[in-house]
Structures are given as C-alpha cells and as structure tokens.
Amino acid sequence: MLLDPLAEAVRIDGGDTGVLLSHGFTGSPASMRPFAEHLAQAGHTVRVPRLPGHGTRWQDLNRTGWGHWYAELDRNLTELCRRCSQVAVAGLSMGGCLALRLAQQRPHDVDALVLVNPSVASSDRRLRAVPTARLLVASAPGLGNDIKKPGVIEHGYDRTPLKALHSVMRLWREVGARLGEVRAPLLLFRSQVDHVVDPSSARLVLAGVSSAVREEVVLRDSYHVATLDYDAPAIFERTETFLAEHLNGREPAGSPAITRGQHGR
C-alpha cells in the first residue's frame, strides 16, 4: 500500500523531447512531482517511476538493491527513447547517482543530465559500520524531509533500511569509478546547506565527468530536498532553459569548463 497517493509514479505524455526523473533513497515520486509537472507544461514528455521498495513501507526497501532501482529507470528510459527523439535524465540525491549510471551505461540515449544534490560519496564515519550493522539491525533513524520551507513534507520513510543503504554504498563505488565516461551536458544544483548529502559529492561529480558543458548552481535558500523547497521554481526554470539549449544537438567539442552561479537570498 502506498504511503500517500502523491507517492505514485508520474507519467505525462507531451512533445518529442523526454525527461526521465528519479527520486532519491527512501523518498518517492512526490519529491519530483512538481518538477515533472513544470516540465510537462513546457511541452516535454515526462516519467517519474516509483523505484522498487519505495513509497510503501521501509521494510520493502530492504528487500531491494541498487540493481532493482537502476533496472526500473533503465526500462523507463527505453520507453522514452522509443517515443522521443531526445531524452534528458534528472535525479535528486541517490536518483542523481542513478542518472549518472544511466549516462555511463547508455551514453547514446542520455542527451543531457540535471542533478539536484547528487549523492555519490560520503565522508560520514558512521557509514563504516553499515556492512556489519545491516546484519544485526534492520534500520536506523531516517534522514528524510530535509526541507527548509515550513509545512512541506517529502512523503518518504522515517527509517533508513540498512541493507538497502549498504547497496547505495556499492552503487557509489560503481558510479564513482567511471565518472570520466559521462559526457552529456550537465547541470548540477547544490544546496549551500544540506543535512543529508556530503558536499564532496558535487565536487567529485564536477571534477570527474568529461562533459564539455558543466554548470553548477548553488542554492542558498533550500536544504536537501530542494525540488520541494524555496528554490524549486528557480530549479525548474533553469532546467527548462538548459534543456532548450542542449536538447537540439550534442554538446560542442572542446575543453570542459565549469560555469558557476547561485540562487537564493
């Protein structure tokens, strides 16, 4: 049973350009629904799948791993590629890591990447205990709902399933070792204050990818779930512009350069 109707997958058919959006670990499509609806209003065909084990009970997530989550995104990407001439992939947190994996595995199918507080690594020493702790206890306190804006909820789990978290850590290693294979135009949003994802993740991504187009936007008025926070309208609008700029052809050849900007108070 779903946690909330907003946790259901989003499917909106539109024009000839597609956007696949992925929510994060322990989250649900609810965190990406306003983003998807904005892009659909701009004329895009959008998909926000509910990743296996998410949006129901945290115990369900412990029965899945990153391969299951990736496979669901991969299936949706295939569907969009059949329908659309070009496809962008966007992801929040762990969804950003999965988006990078898609760009590594299917470089000819991912025409642009949009990452919001992507999670690809962590320096949190507590994670060293996860490989053992997952065998002893099923979950730990959750880290969801990191949103600055009062009264907004993510519709995610209030517990962190440790077997699934261990799988996330394996995903980090897989993706991190191959960042140089990512060549799609990249737009990365990073919250200045994020209580969930280590700042090192954004630095690793920007330094590691081979994309000739790499743009970083620092969000000054949002926490981790920025797609539901104060800076959400700016994320949606800049993404719409970025896709208009880069979904008409592949990125230009040349030396990679990082464009930096910021938004918020």
C-alpha atoms as a PDB file:
ATOM      1  CA  MET A   1       0.000   0.000   0.000  1.00  0.00           C
ATOM      2  CA  LEU A   2       1.284   3.454  -0.910  1.00  0.00           C
ATOM      3  CA  LEU A   3       2.291   5.886   1.811  1.00  0.00           C
ATOM      4  CA  ASP A   4       0.339   8.585   0.006  1.00  0.00           C
ATOM      5  CA  PRO A   5      -1.276   8.986  -3.435  1.00  0.00           C
ATOM      6  CA  LEU A   6       1.449  11.523  -4.247  1.00  0.00           C
ATOM      7  CA  ALA A   7       3.996   8.698  -3.960  1.00  0.00           C
ATOM      8  CA  GLU A   8       2.670   7.043  -7.118  1.00  0.00           C
ATOM      9  CA  ALA A   9       4.634   7.175 -10.359  1.00  0.00           C
ATOM     10  CA  VAL A  10       4.157  10.139 -12.702  1.00  0.00           C
ATOM     11  CA  ARG A  11       3.523   9.649 -16.434  1.00  0.00           C
ATOM     12  CA  ILE A  12       2.672  12.647 -18.595  1.00  0.00           C
ATOM     13  CA  ASP A  13       2.825  12.434 -22.378  1.00  0.00           C
ATOM     14  CA  GLY A  14       3.788  15.535 -24.281  1.00  0.00           C
ATOM     15  CA  GLY A  15       6.141  16.509 -27.045  1.00  0.00           C
ATOM     16  CA  ASP A  16       9.099  14.934 -28.812  1.00  0.00           C
ATOM     17  CA  THR A  17      11.621  15.558 -26.028  1.00  0.00           C
ATOM     18  CA  GLY A  18      11.518  13.345 -22.973  1.00  0.00           C
ATOM     19  CA  VAL A  19      12.666  13.820 -19.395  1.00  0.00           C
ATOM     20  CA  LEU A  20      13.170  10.914 -17.004  1.00  0.00           C
ATOM     21  CA  LEU A  21      13.272  11.998 -13.356  1.00  0.00           C
ATOM     22  CA  SER A  22      14.397   9.900 -10.393  1.00  0.00           C
ATOM     23  CA  HIS A  23      13.613  10.457  -6.735  1.00  0.00           C
ATOM     24  CA  GLY A  24      16.116   9.679  -4.003  1.00  0.00           C
ATOM     25  CA  PHE A  25      16.790   6.918  -1.475  1.00  0.00           C
ATOM     26  CA  THR A  26      13.832   6.351   0.922  1.00  0.00           C
ATOM     27  CA  GLY A  27      11.888   9.011  -0.997  1.00  0.00           C
ATOM     28  CA  SER A  28       9.152   8.736  -3.598  1.00  0.00           C
ATOM     29  CA  PRO A  29       7.939  10.406  -6.814  1.00  0.00           C
ATOM     30  CA  ALA A  30       6.263  13.017  -4.601  1.00  0.00           C
ATOM     31  CA  SER A  31       9.612  14.807  -4.295  1.00  0.00           C
ATOM     32  CA  MET A  32       9.840  15.159  -8.086  1.00  0.00           C
ATOM     33  CA  ARG A  33       6.153  15.632  -8.953  1.00  0.00           C
ATOM     34  CA  PRO A  34       6.146  19.476  -9.110  1.00  0.00           C
ATOM     35  CA  PHE A  35       9.345  19.338 -11.183  1.00  0.00           C
ATOM     36  CA  ALA A  36       7.755  16.857 -13.590  1.00  0.00           C
ATOM     37  CA  GLU A  37       4.555  18.876 -13.872  1.00  0.00           C
ATOM     38  CA  HIS A  38       6.514  22.038 -14.708  1.00  0.00           C
ATOM     39  CA  LEU A  39       8.461  20.254 -17.447  1.00  0.00           C
ATOM     40  CA  ALA A  40       5.253  18.726 -18.811  1.00  0.00           C
ATOM     41  CA  GLN A  41       3.677  22.196 -19.011  1.00  0.00           C
ATOM     42  CA  ALA A  42       6.744  23.246 -21.009  1.00  0.00           C
ATOM     43  CA  GLY A  43       5.861  20.554 -23.543  1.00  0.00           C
ATOM     44  CA  HIS A  44       8.083  17.646 -22.524  1.00  0.00           C
ATOM     45  CA  THR A  45       7.063  14.012 -22.126  1.00  0.00           C
ATOM     46  CA  VAL A  46       7.949  13.106 -18.543  1.00  0.00           C
ATOM     47  CA  ARG A  47       8.306   9.989 -16.427  1.00  0.00           C
ATOM     48  CA  VAL A  48       8.940   9.692 -12.683  1.00  0.00           C
ATOM     49  CA  PRO A  49       8.940   5.990 -11.819  1.00  0.00           C
ATOM     50  CA  ARG A  50       8.479   4.817  -8.264  1.00  0.00           C
ATOM     51  CA  LEU A  51      11.659   2.872  -7.593  1.00  0.00           C
ATOM     52  CA  PRO A  52      11.197  -0.666  -6.190  1.00  0.00           C
ATOM     53  CA  GLY A  53      10.792  -0.744  -2.419  1.00  0.00           C
ATOM     54  CA  HIS A  54       9.921   2.952  -2.201  1.00  0.00           C
ATOM     55  CA  GLY A  55       6.681   4.716  -1.338  1.00  0.00           C
ATOM     56  CA  THR A  56       5.212   1.862   0.729  1.00  0.00           C
ATOM     57  CA  ARG A  57       6.970   0.575   3.899  1.00  0.00           C
ATOM     58  CA  TRP A  58      10.651   0.903   4.731  1.00  0.00           C
ATOM     59  CA  GLN A  59      10.813  -2.872   5.220  1.00  0.00           C
ATOM     60  CA  ASP A  60      10.074  -3.278   1.497  1.00  0.00           C
ATOM     61  CA  LEU A  61      13.173  -1.287   0.634  1.00  0.00           C
ATOM     62  CA  ASN A  62      15.398  -3.744   2.497  1.00  0.00           C
ATOM     63  CA  ARG A  63      14.282  -6.423   0.040  1.00  0.00           C
ATOM     64  CA  THR A  64      15.711  -4.469  -2.908  1.00  0.00           C
ATOM     65  CA  GLY A  65      19.069  -3.138  -4.059  1.00  0.00           C
ATOM     66  CA  TRP A  66      20.525  -0.646  -6.474  1.00  0.00           C
ATOM     67  CA  GLY A  67      20.231  -3.083  -9.366  1.00  0.00           C
ATOM     68  CA  HIS A  68      16.443  -3.118  -8.955  1.00  0.00           C
ATOM     69  CA  TRP A  69      16.262   0.672  -8.833  1.00  0.00           C
ATOM     70  CA  TYR A  70      18.505   1.050 -11.863  1.00  0.00           C
ATOM     71  CA  ALA A  71      16.516  -1.524 -13.839  1.00  0.00           C
ATOM     72  CA  GLU A  72      13.297   0.446 -13.317  1.00  0.00           C
ATOM     73  CA  LEU A  73      14.920   3.633 -14.590  1.00  0.00           C
ATOM     74  CA  ASP A  74      16.503   1.751 -17.476  1.00  0.00           C
ATOM     75  CA  ARG A  75      13.103   0.388 -18.507  1.00  0.00           C
ATOM     76  CA  ASN A  76      11.584   3.872 -18.448  1.00  0.00           C
ATOM     77  CA  LEU A  77      14.498   5.279 -20.425  1.00  0.00           C
ATOM     78  CA  THR A  78      13.959   2.656 -23.111  1.00  0.00           C
ATOM     79  CA  GLU A  79      10.280   3.608 -23.298  1.00  0.00           C
ATOM     80  CA  LEU A  80      11.108   7.306 -23.648  1.00  0.00           C
ATOM     81  CA  CYS A  81      13.735   6.624 -26.306  1.00  0.00           C
ATOM     82  CA  ARG A  82      11.125   4.824 -28.389  1.00  0.00           C
ATOM     83  CA  ARG A  83       8.728   7.741 -28.087  1.00  0.00           C
ATOM     84  CA  CYS A  84      11.043  10.768 -28.131  1.00  0.00           C
ATOM     85  CA  SER A  85      13.873  11.961 -30.353  1.00  0.00           C
ATOM     86  CA  GLN A  86      15.967  13.125 -27.395  1.00  0.00           C
ATOM     87  CA  VAL A  87      15.880  12.381 -23.674  1.00  0.00           C
ATOM     88  CA  ALA A  88      17.289  14.094 -20.598  1.00  0.00           C
ATOM     89  CA  VAL A  89      17.676  12.396 -17.225  1.00  0.00           C
ATOM     90  CA  ALA A  90      17.297  14.244 -13.922  1.00  0.00           C
ATOM     91  CA  GLY A  91      17.826  12.928 -10.415  1.00  0.00           C
ATOM     92  CA  LEU A  92      17.639  14.030  -6.796  1.00  0.00           C
ATOM     93  CA  SER A  93      20.197  12.690  -4.319  1.00  0.00           C
ATOM     94  CA  MET A  94      20.667   8.950  -4.981  1.00  0.00           C
ATOM     95  CA  GLY A  95      18.490   9.498  -8.049  1.00  0.00           C
ATOM     96  CA  GLY A  96      21.312  11.689  -9.325  1.00  0.00           C
ATOM     97  CA  CYS A  97      23.749   8.831  -8.845  1.00  0.00           C
ATOM     98  CA  LEU A  98      21.444   6.525 -10.815  1.00  0.00           C
ATOM     99  CA  ALA A  99      21.181   9.183 -13.533  1.00  0.00           C
ATOM    100  CA  LEU A 100      24.970   9.198 -13.820  1.00  0.00           C
ATOM    101  CA  ARG A 101      24.909   5.407 -14.086  1.00  0.00           C
ATOM    102  CA  LEU A 102      22.465   5.645 -16.987  1.00  0.00           C
ATOM    103  CA  ALA A 103      24.753   8.143 -18.705  1.00  0.00           C
ATOM    104  CA  GLN A 104      27.676   5.739 -18.255  1.00  0.00           C
ATOM    105  CA  GLN A 105      25.825   2.670 -19.479  1.00  0.00           C
ATOM    106  CA  ARG A 106      23.769   4.312 -22.232  1.00  0.00           C
ATOM    107  CA  PRO A 107      25.699   7.384 -23.429  1.00  0.00           C
ATOM    108  CA  HIS A 108      23.914   7.500 -26.779  1.00  0.00           C
ATOM    109  CA  ASP A 109      20.484   7.602 -25.097  1.00  0.00           C
ATOM    110  CA  VAL A 110      21.121  10.282 -22.447  1.00  0.00           C
ATOM    111  CA  ASP A 111      21.293  13.664 -24.149  1.00  0.00           C
ATOM    112  CA  ALA A 112      21.504  15.833 -21.010  1.00  0.00           C
ATOM    113  CA  LEU A 113      21.802  15.426 -17.243  1.00  0.00           C
ATOM    114  CA  VAL A 114      20.265  17.504 -14.442  1.00  0.00           C
ATOM    115  CA  LEU A 115      21.394  16.616 -10.921  1.00  0.00           C
ATOM    116  CA  VAL A 116      19.983  18.063  -7.692  1.00  0.00           C
ATOM    117  CA  ASN A 117      22.184  17.468  -4.639  1.00  0.00           C
ATOM    118  CA  PRO A 118      23.532  14.219  -6.133  1.00  0.00           C
ATOM    119  CA  SER A 119      24.766  11.554  -3.742  1.00  0.00           C
ATOM    120  CA  VAL A 120      27.879   9.721  -4.955  1.00  0.00           C
ATOM    121  CA  ALA A 121      30.047   9.572  -1.825  1.00  0.00           C
ATOM    122  CA  SER A 122      30.146  10.407   1.882  1.00  0.00           C
ATOM    123  CA  SER A 123      32.820  11.120   4.461  1.00  0.00           C
ATOM    124  CA  ASP A 124      30.460  10.235   7.331  1.00  0.00           C
ATOM    125  CA  ARG A 125      32.429   7.827   9.516  1.00  0.00           C
ATOM    126  CA  ARG A 126      29.237   6.190  10.779  1.00  0.00           C
ATOM    127  CA  LEU A 127      28.826   4.541   7.392  1.00  0.00           C
ATOM    128  CA  ARG A 128      31.835   2.350   8.113  1.00  0.00           C
ATOM    129  CA  ALA A 129      29.626   0.347  10.470  1.00  0.00           C
ATOM    130  CA  VAL A 130      26.889  -0.305   7.911  1.00  0.00           C
ATOM    131  CA  PRO A 131      28.320  -3.549   6.408  1.00  0.00           C
ATOM    132  CA  THR A 132      28.218  -5.145   9.872  1.00  0.00           C
ATOM    133  CA  ALA A 133      25.249  -3.294  11.350  1.00  0.00           C
ATOM    134  CA  ARG A 134      22.967  -4.388   8.496  1.00  0.00           C
ATOM    135  CA  LEU A 135      23.387  -7.977   9.715  1.00  0.00           C
ATOM    136  CA  LEU A 136      22.329  -7.068  13.258  1.00  0.00           C
ATOM    137  CA  VAL A 137      19.591  -4.451  12.928  1.00  0.00           C
ATOM    138  CA  ALA A 138      17.136  -3.717  10.132  1.00  0.00           C
ATOM    139  CA  SER A 139      17.077   0.069  10.172  1.00  0.00           C
ATOM    140  CA  ALA A 140      18.323   3.324  11.648  1.00  0.00           C
ATOM    141  CA  PRO A 141      16.650   6.721  12.145  1.00  0.00           C
ATOM    142  CA  GLY A 142      15.692   8.344   8.865  1.00  0.00           C
ATOM    143  CA  LEU A 143      17.237  11.389   7.230  1.00  0.00           C
ATOM    144  CA  GLY A 144      14.279  12.387   5.076  1.00  0.00           C
ATOM    145  CA  ASN A 145      12.316  15.618   4.923  1.00  0.00           C
ATOM    146  CA  ASP A 146      15.362  17.889   4.967  1.00  0.00           C
ATOM    147  CA  ILE A 147      13.380  20.890   3.722  1.00  0.00           C
ATOM    148  CA  LYS A 148      13.801  24.498   4.861  1.00  0.00           C
ATOM    149  CA  LYS A 149      10.326  25.605   3.825  1.00  0.00           C
ATOM    150  CA  PRO A 150       7.844  25.069   6.712  1.00  0.00           C
ATOM    151  CA  GLY A 151       4.905  22.742   6.247  1.00  0.00           C
ATOM    152  CA  VAL A 152       6.331  20.823   3.274  1.00  0.00           C
ATOM    153  CA  ILE A 153       6.801  17.043   3.509  1.00  0.00           C
ATOM    154  CA  GLU A 154       8.687  14.661   1.239  1.00  0.00           C
ATOM    155  CA  HIS A 155       6.409  11.617   1.626  1.00  0.00           C
ATOM    156  CA  GLY A 156       9.391   9.355   2.317  1.00  0.00           C
ATOM    157  CA  TYR A 157      10.356   6.890   5.029  1.00  0.00           C
ATOM    158  CA  ASP A 158      11.119   7.852   8.616  1.00  0.00           C
ATOM    159  CA  ARG A 159      13.591   4.949   8.884  1.00  0.00           C
ATOM    160  CA  THR A 160      16.743   4.143   6.898  1.00  0.00           C
ATOM    161  CA  PRO A 161      16.828   0.432   5.905  1.00  0.00           C
ATOM    162  CA  LEU A 162      20.430  -0.662   6.417  1.00  0.00           C
ATOM    163  CA  LYS A 163      20.621  -3.480   3.864  1.00  0.00           C
ATOM    164  CA  ALA A 164      19.397  -1.062   1.229  1.00  0.00           C
ATOM    165  CA  LEU A 165      21.809   1.620   2.457  1.00  0.00           C
ATOM    166  CA  HIS A 166      24.657  -0.836   2.033  1.00  0.00           C
ATOM    167  CA  SER A 167      23.543  -1.270  -1.562  1.00  0.00           C
ATOM    168  CA  VAL A 168      23.638   2.508  -2.059  1.00  0.00           C
ATOM    169  CA  MET A 169      27.248   2.476  -0.903  1.00  0.00           C
ATOM    170  CA  ARG A 170      28.070  -0.167  -3.510  1.00  0.00           C
ATOM    171  CA  LEU A 171      26.368   1.991  -6.136  1.00  0.00           C
ATOM    172  CA  TRP A 172      28.591   4.914  -5.145  1.00  0.00           C
ATOM    173  CA  ARG A 173      31.694   2.831  -5.806  1.00  0.00           C
ATOM    174  CA  GLU A 174      30.429   1.634  -9.174  1.00  0.00           C
ATOM    175  CA  VAL A 175      29.495   5.098 -10.398  1.00  0.00           C
ATOM    176  CA  GLY A 176      32.436   6.932  -8.860  1.00  0.00           C
ATOM    177  CA  ALA A 177      34.959   4.701 -10.601  1.00  0.00           C
ATOM    178  CA  ARG A 178      33.560   5.591 -14.027  1.00  0.00           C
ATOM    179  CA  LEU A 179      32.663   9.275 -13.793  1.00  0.00           C
ATOM    180  CA  GLY A 180      35.004  10.050 -16.680  1.00  0.00           C
ATOM    181  CA  GLU A 181      32.685   8.145 -19.013  1.00  0.00           C
ATOM    182  CA  VAL A 182      29.936  10.743 -18.531  1.00  0.00           C
ATOM    183  CA  ARG A 183      29.925  13.174 -21.468  1.00  0.00           C
ATOM    184  CA  ALA A 184      26.377  14.516 -21.590  1.00  0.00           C
ATOM    185  CA  PRO A 185      25.801  18.240 -20.897  1.00  0.00           C
ATOM    186  CA  LEU A 186      25.470  18.556 -17.120  1.00  0.00           C
ATOM    187  CA  LEU A 187      23.511  20.972 -14.943  1.00  0.00           C
ATOM    188  CA  LEU A 188      24.134  20.464 -11.218  1.00  0.00           C
ATOM    189  CA  PHE A 189      22.214  22.173  -8.410  1.00  0.00           C
ATOM    190  CA  ARG A 190      23.826  22.146  -4.966  1.00  0.00           C
ATOM    191  CA  SER A 191      22.264  23.424  -1.758  1.00  0.00           C
ATOM    192  CA  GLN A 192      24.608  25.555   0.302  1.00  0.00           C
ATOM    193  CA  VAL A 193      23.167  23.884   3.420  1.00  0.00           C
ATOM    194  CA  ASP A 194      22.436  20.165   3.026  1.00  0.00           C
ATOM    195  CA  HIS A 195      21.993  17.957   6.105  1.00  0.00           C
ATOM    196  CA  VAL A 196      21.909  14.704   4.098  1.00  0.00           C
ATOM    197  CA  VAL A 197      24.493  14.692   1.304  1.00  0.00           C
ATOM    198  CA  ASP A 198      28.163  15.449   1.832  1.00  0.00           C
ATOM    199  CA  PRO A 199      29.468  18.498  -0.126  1.00  0.00           C
ATOM    200  CA  SER A 200      32.193  16.242  -1.519  1.00  0.00           C
ATOM    201  CA  SER A 201      29.639  14.577  -3.801  1.00  0.00           C
ATOM    202  CA  ALA A 202      29.133  17.640  -6.004  1.00  0.00           C
ATOM    203  CA  ARG A 203      32.877  18.289  -6.135  1.00  0.00           C
ATOM    204  CA  LEU A 204      33.564  14.707  -7.195  1.00  0.00           C
ATOM    205  CA  VAL A 205      30.972  14.839  -9.949  1.00  0.00           C
ATOM    206  CA  LEU A 206      32.100  18.172 -11.398  1.00  0.00           C
ATOM    207  CA  ALA A 207      35.770  17.186 -11.289  1.00  0.00           C
ATOM    208  CA  GLY A 208      35.222  13.662 -12.548  1.00  0.00           C
ATOM    209  CA  VAL A 209      32.878  13.864 -15.537  1.00  0.00           C
ATOM    210  CA  SER A 210      34.118  14.534 -19.065  1.00  0.00           C
ATOM    211  CA  SER A 211      31.162  16.707 -20.081  1.00  0.00           C
ATOM    212  CA  ALA A 212      32.201  19.734 -22.111  1.00  0.00           C
ATOM    213  CA  VAL A 213      29.202  21.581 -20.634  1.00  0.00           C
ATOM    214  CA  ARG A 214      29.175  21.591 -16.832  1.00  0.00           C
ATOM    215  CA  GLU A 215      27.123  24.163 -14.970  1.00  0.00           C
ATOM    216  CA  GLU A 216      26.833  24.398 -11.185  1.00  0.00           C
ATOM    217  CA  VAL A 217      24.125  26.445  -9.486  1.00  0.00           C
ATOM    218  CA  VAL A 218      24.403  26.964  -5.722  1.00  0.00           C
ATOM    219  CA  LEU A 219      21.056  27.128  -3.928  1.00  0.00           C
ATOM    220  CA  ARG A 220      21.188  29.476  -0.947  1.00  0.00           C
ATOM    221  CA  ASP A 221      17.639  29.087   0.343  1.00  0.00           C
ATOM    222  CA  SER A 222      16.988  25.337   0.295  1.00  0.00           C
ATOM    223  CA  TYR A 223      18.089  22.203   2.119  1.00  0.00           C
ATOM    224  CA  HIS A 224      18.489  18.720   0.633  1.00  0.00           C
ATOM    225  CA  VAL A 225      15.074  18.176  -0.966  1.00  0.00           C
ATOM    226  CA  ALA A 226      15.451  21.355  -2.995  1.00  0.00           C
ATOM    227  CA  THR A 227      12.801  20.301  -5.518  1.00  0.00           C
ATOM    228  CA  LEU A 228      10.184  20.967  -2.820  1.00  0.00           C
ATOM    229  CA  ASP A 229      11.919  23.923  -1.166  1.00  0.00           C
ATOM    230  CA  TYR A 230      12.158  27.678  -1.635  1.00  0.00           C
ATOM    231  CA  ASP A 231      14.480  27.419  -4.651  1.00  0.00           C
ATOM    232  CA  ALA A 232      12.284  24.925  -6.507  1.00  0.00           C
ATOM    233  CA  PRO A 233      10.904  27.487  -9.030  1.00  0.00           C
ATOM    234  CA  ALA A 234      14.453  28.535  -9.925  1.00  0.00           C
ATOM    235  CA  ILE A 235      15.461  24.884 -10.408  1.00  0.00           C
ATOM    236  CA  PHE A 236      12.507  24.256 -12.692  1.00  0.00           C
ATOM    237  CA  GLU A 237      13.016  27.392 -14.768  1.00  0.00           C
ATOM    238  CA  ARG A 238      16.777  26.988 -15.195  1.00  0.00           C
ATOM    239  CA  THR A 239      16.298  23.328 -16.119  1.00  0.00           C
ATOM    240  CA  GLU A 240      13.733  24.257 -18.752  1.00  0.00           C
ATOM    241  CA  THR A 241      16.177  26.753 -20.268  1.00  0.00           C
ATOM    242  CA  PHE A 242      19.086  24.303 -20.075  1.00  0.00           C
ATOM    243  CA  LEU A 243      17.123  21.629 -21.902  1.00  0.00           C
ATOM    244  CA  ALA A 244      16.125  24.120 -24.600  1.00  0.00           C
ATOM    245  CA  GLU A 245      19.803  24.940 -25.037  1.00  0.00           C
ATOM    246  CA  HIS A 246      21.125  21.382 -25.155  1.00  0.00           C
ATOM    247  CA  LEU A 247      18.421  19.073 -26.483  1.00  0.00           C
ATOM    248  CA  ASN A 248      18.823  20.334 -30.033  1.00  0.00           C
ATOM    249  CA  GLY A 249      22.118  18.540 -30.501  1.00  0.00           C
ATOM    250  CA  ARG A 250      25.086  17.022 -28.762  1.00  0.00           C
ATOM    251  CA  GLU A 251      27.432  19.160 -26.707  1.00  0.00           C
ATOM    252  CA  PRO A 252      30.126  21.019 -28.612  1.00  0.00           C
ATOM    253  CA  ALA A 253      33.643  19.678 -28.760  1.00  0.00           C
ATOM    254  CA  GLY A 254      36.288  21.447 -26.727  1.00  0.00           C
ATOM    255  CA  SER A 255      37.832  21.620 -23.309  1.00  0.00           C
ATOM    256  CA  PRO A 256      35.458  21.166 -20.383  1.00  0.00           C
ATOM    257  CA  ALA A 257      34.647  24.276 -18.388  1.00  0.00           C
ATOM    258  CA  ILE A 258      32.513  24.754 -15.292  1.00  0.00           C
ATOM    259  CA  THR A 259      30.013  27.600 -15.220  1.00  0.00           C
ATOM    260  CA  ARG A 260      29.027  28.651 -11.716  1.00  0.00           C
ATOM    261  CA  GLY A 261      26.001  30.545 -10.479  1.00  0.00           C
ATOM    262  CA  GLN A 262      23.841  30.879  -7.425  1.00  0.00           C
ATOM    263  CA  HIS A 263      20.253  31.451  -6.442  1.00  0.00           C
ATOM    264  CA  GLY A 264      18.501  32.454  -3.263  1.00  0.00           C
ATOM    265  CA  ARG A 265      18.757  35.038  -0.619  1.00  0.00           C
END
